[in-house]
């Protein structure tokens, strides 16, 4: 299992046009999960969780990578 970040156009009600995807590297997973209060991947919510602006900023700092702010970002666990 791994953490996966996806991004869609804001206001895209169908939500079927993926514009961004990023797999979180294993060495960054713990720090990313801290933004949600998750202790393990098993605690992650089913499906995908919408990222708030604050969570997006924290995750971008952990990843040392700019995340697209013009998109609706989500995080979820993939197998």
C-alpha atoms as a PDB file:
ATOM      1  CA  UNK A   1       0.000   0.000   0.000  1.00  0.00           C
ATOM      2  CA  UNK A   2       1.133   3.543  -0.673  1.00  0.00           C
ATOM      3  CA  UNK A   3      -0.139   7.125  -0.472  1.00  0.00           C
ATOM      4  CA  UNK A   4      -1.217   8.682  -3.734  1.00  0.00           C
ATOM      5  CA  UNK A   5      -2.094  12.343  -4.388  1.00  0.00           C
ATOM      6  CA  UNK A   6      -4.405  13.195  -7.267  1.00  0.00           C
ATOM      7  CA  UNK A   7      -5.556  16.507  -8.686  1.00  0.00           C
ATOM      8  CA  UNK A   8      -8.613  17.465 -10.685  1.00  0.00           C
ATOM      9  CA  UNK A   9      -9.857  20.715 -12.187  1.00  0.00           C
ATOM     10  CA  UNK A  10     -11.756  22.819  -9.674  1.00  0.00           C
ATOM     11  CA  UNK A  11     -15.459  22.743 -10.336  1.00  0.00           C
ATOM     12  CA  UNK A  12     -15.245  19.571 -12.435  1.00  0.00           C
ATOM     13  CA  UNK A  13     -18.379  17.887 -11.092  1.00  0.00           C
ATOM     14  CA  UNK A  14     -17.762  14.704 -13.067  1.00  0.00           C
ATOM     15  CA  UNK A  15     -14.261  14.528 -11.569  1.00  0.00           C
ATOM     16  CA  UNK A  16     -13.001  12.359 -14.352  1.00  0.00           C
ATOM     17  CA  UNK A  17     -10.164  14.442 -15.775  1.00  0.00           C
ATOM     18  CA  UNK A  18      -7.064  13.626 -13.765  1.00  0.00           C
ATOM     19  CA  UNK A  19      -4.599  16.507 -14.120  1.00  0.00           C
ATOM     20  CA  UNK A  20      -2.012  15.602 -11.461  1.00  0.00           C
ATOM     21  CA  UNK A  21      -0.811  12.469  -9.745  1.00  0.00           C
ATOM     22  CA  UNK A  22       1.997  11.808  -7.320  1.00  0.00           C
ATOM     23  CA  UNK A  23       3.023   8.701  -5.416  1.00  0.00           C
ATOM     24  CA  UNK A  24       4.413   9.564  -1.986  1.00  0.00           C
ATOM     25  CA  UNK A  25       7.783   7.926  -1.449  1.00  0.00           C
ATOM     26  CA  UNK A  26       7.952   5.519   1.510  1.00  0.00           C
ATOM     27  CA  UNK A  27      10.455   7.714   3.371  1.00  0.00           C
ATOM     28  CA  UNK A  28       7.932  10.602   3.342  1.00  0.00           C
ATOM     29  CA  UNK A  29       4.804   8.642   4.273  1.00  0.00           C
ATOM     30  CA  UNK A  30       5.018   9.151   8.061  1.00  0.00           C
ATOM     31  CA  UNK A  31       5.410  12.917   7.781  1.00  0.00           C
ATOM     32  CA  UNK A  32       2.540  13.154   5.280  1.00  0.00           C
ATOM     33  CA  UNK A  33       0.281  11.002   7.477  1.00  0.00           C
ATOM     34  CA  UNK A  34       1.029  13.350  10.405  1.00  0.00           C
ATOM     35  CA  UNK A  35      -0.877  16.084   8.535  1.00  0.00           C
ATOM     36  CA  UNK A  36      -4.005  13.972   9.001  1.00  0.00           C
ATOM     37  CA  UNK A  37      -3.268  12.461  12.393  1.00  0.00           C
ATOM     38  CA  UNK A  38      -2.942   9.012  10.836  1.00  0.00           C
ATOM     39  CA  UNK A  39      -0.570   6.595  12.562  1.00  0.00           C
ATOM     40  CA  UNK A  40      -0.531   4.069   9.703  1.00  0.00           C
ATOM     41  CA  UNK A  41      -1.832   3.561   6.185  1.00  0.00           C
ATOM     42  CA  UNK A  42      -4.553   1.356   7.662  1.00  0.00           C
ATOM     43  CA  UNK A  43      -5.991   4.408   9.460  1.00  0.00           C
ATOM     44  CA  UNK A  44      -6.425   6.316   6.223  1.00  0.00           C
ATOM     45  CA  UNK A  45     -10.028   6.911   5.267  1.00  0.00           C
ATOM     46  CA  UNK A  46     -11.596   4.710   2.619  1.00  0.00           C
ATOM     47  CA  UNK A  47     -11.475   6.338  -0.767  1.00  0.00           C
ATOM     48  CA  UNK A  48      -9.814   9.693  -1.159  1.00  0.00           C
ATOM     49  CA  UNK A  49      -9.633  12.607   1.258  1.00  0.00           C
ATOM     50  CA  UNK A  50      -9.868  16.182  -0.010  1.00  0.00           C
ATOM     51  CA  UNK A  51      -6.796  18.230   0.931  1.00  0.00           C
ATOM     52  CA  UNK A  52      -7.308  21.580   2.599  1.00  0.00           C
ATOM     53  CA  UNK A  53      -5.009  24.466   1.695  1.00  0.00           C
ATOM     54  CA  UNK A  54      -3.165  24.000   5.002  1.00  0.00           C
ATOM     55  CA  UNK A  55      -2.687  20.265   4.421  1.00  0.00           C
ATOM     56  CA  UNK A  56      -1.479  20.967   0.894  1.00  0.00           C
ATOM     57  CA  UNK A  57       1.133  23.413   2.231  1.00  0.00           C
ATOM     58  CA  UNK A  58       2.326  20.938   4.878  1.00  0.00           C
ATOM     59  CA  UNK A  59       2.585  18.092   2.387  1.00  0.00           C
ATOM     60  CA  UNK A  60       4.391  20.269  -0.161  1.00  0.00           C
ATOM     61  CA  UNK A  61       6.946  21.187   2.522  1.00  0.00           C
ATOM     62  CA  UNK A  62       7.451  17.525   3.483  1.00  0.00           C
ATOM     63  CA  UNK A  63       7.846  16.488  -0.147  1.00  0.00           C
ATOM     64  CA  UNK A  64       9.981  19.541  -0.911  1.00  0.00           C
ATOM     65  CA  UNK A  65       7.845  19.895  -4.012  1.00  0.00           C
ATOM     66  CA  UNK A  66       5.370  22.500  -5.201  1.00  0.00           C
ATOM     67  CA  UNK A  67       1.853  21.074  -5.453  1.00  0.00           C
ATOM     68  CA  UNK A  68      -0.604  22.617  -7.925  1.00  0.00           C
ATOM     69  CA  UNK A  69      -2.850  25.072  -6.079  1.00  0.00           C
ATOM     70  CA  UNK A  70      -5.145  25.561  -9.069  1.00  0.00           C
ATOM     71  CA  UNK A  71      -6.449  21.992  -8.725  1.00  0.00           C
ATOM     72  CA  UNK A  72      -8.630  20.181  -6.213  1.00  0.00           C
ATOM     73  CA  UNK A  73      -6.189  17.795  -4.529  1.00  0.00           C
ATOM     74  CA  UNK A  74      -7.009  14.492  -2.864  1.00  0.00           C
ATOM     75  CA  UNK A  75      -4.988  11.869  -1.040  1.00  0.00           C
ATOM     76  CA  UNK A  76      -5.734   8.198  -0.730  1.00  0.00           C
ATOM     77  CA  UNK A  77      -4.186   4.804  -0.192  1.00  0.00           C
ATOM     78  CA  UNK A  78      -3.526   2.587  -3.181  1.00  0.00           C
ATOM     79  CA  UNK A  79      -2.415  -1.007  -3.394  1.00  0.00           C
END
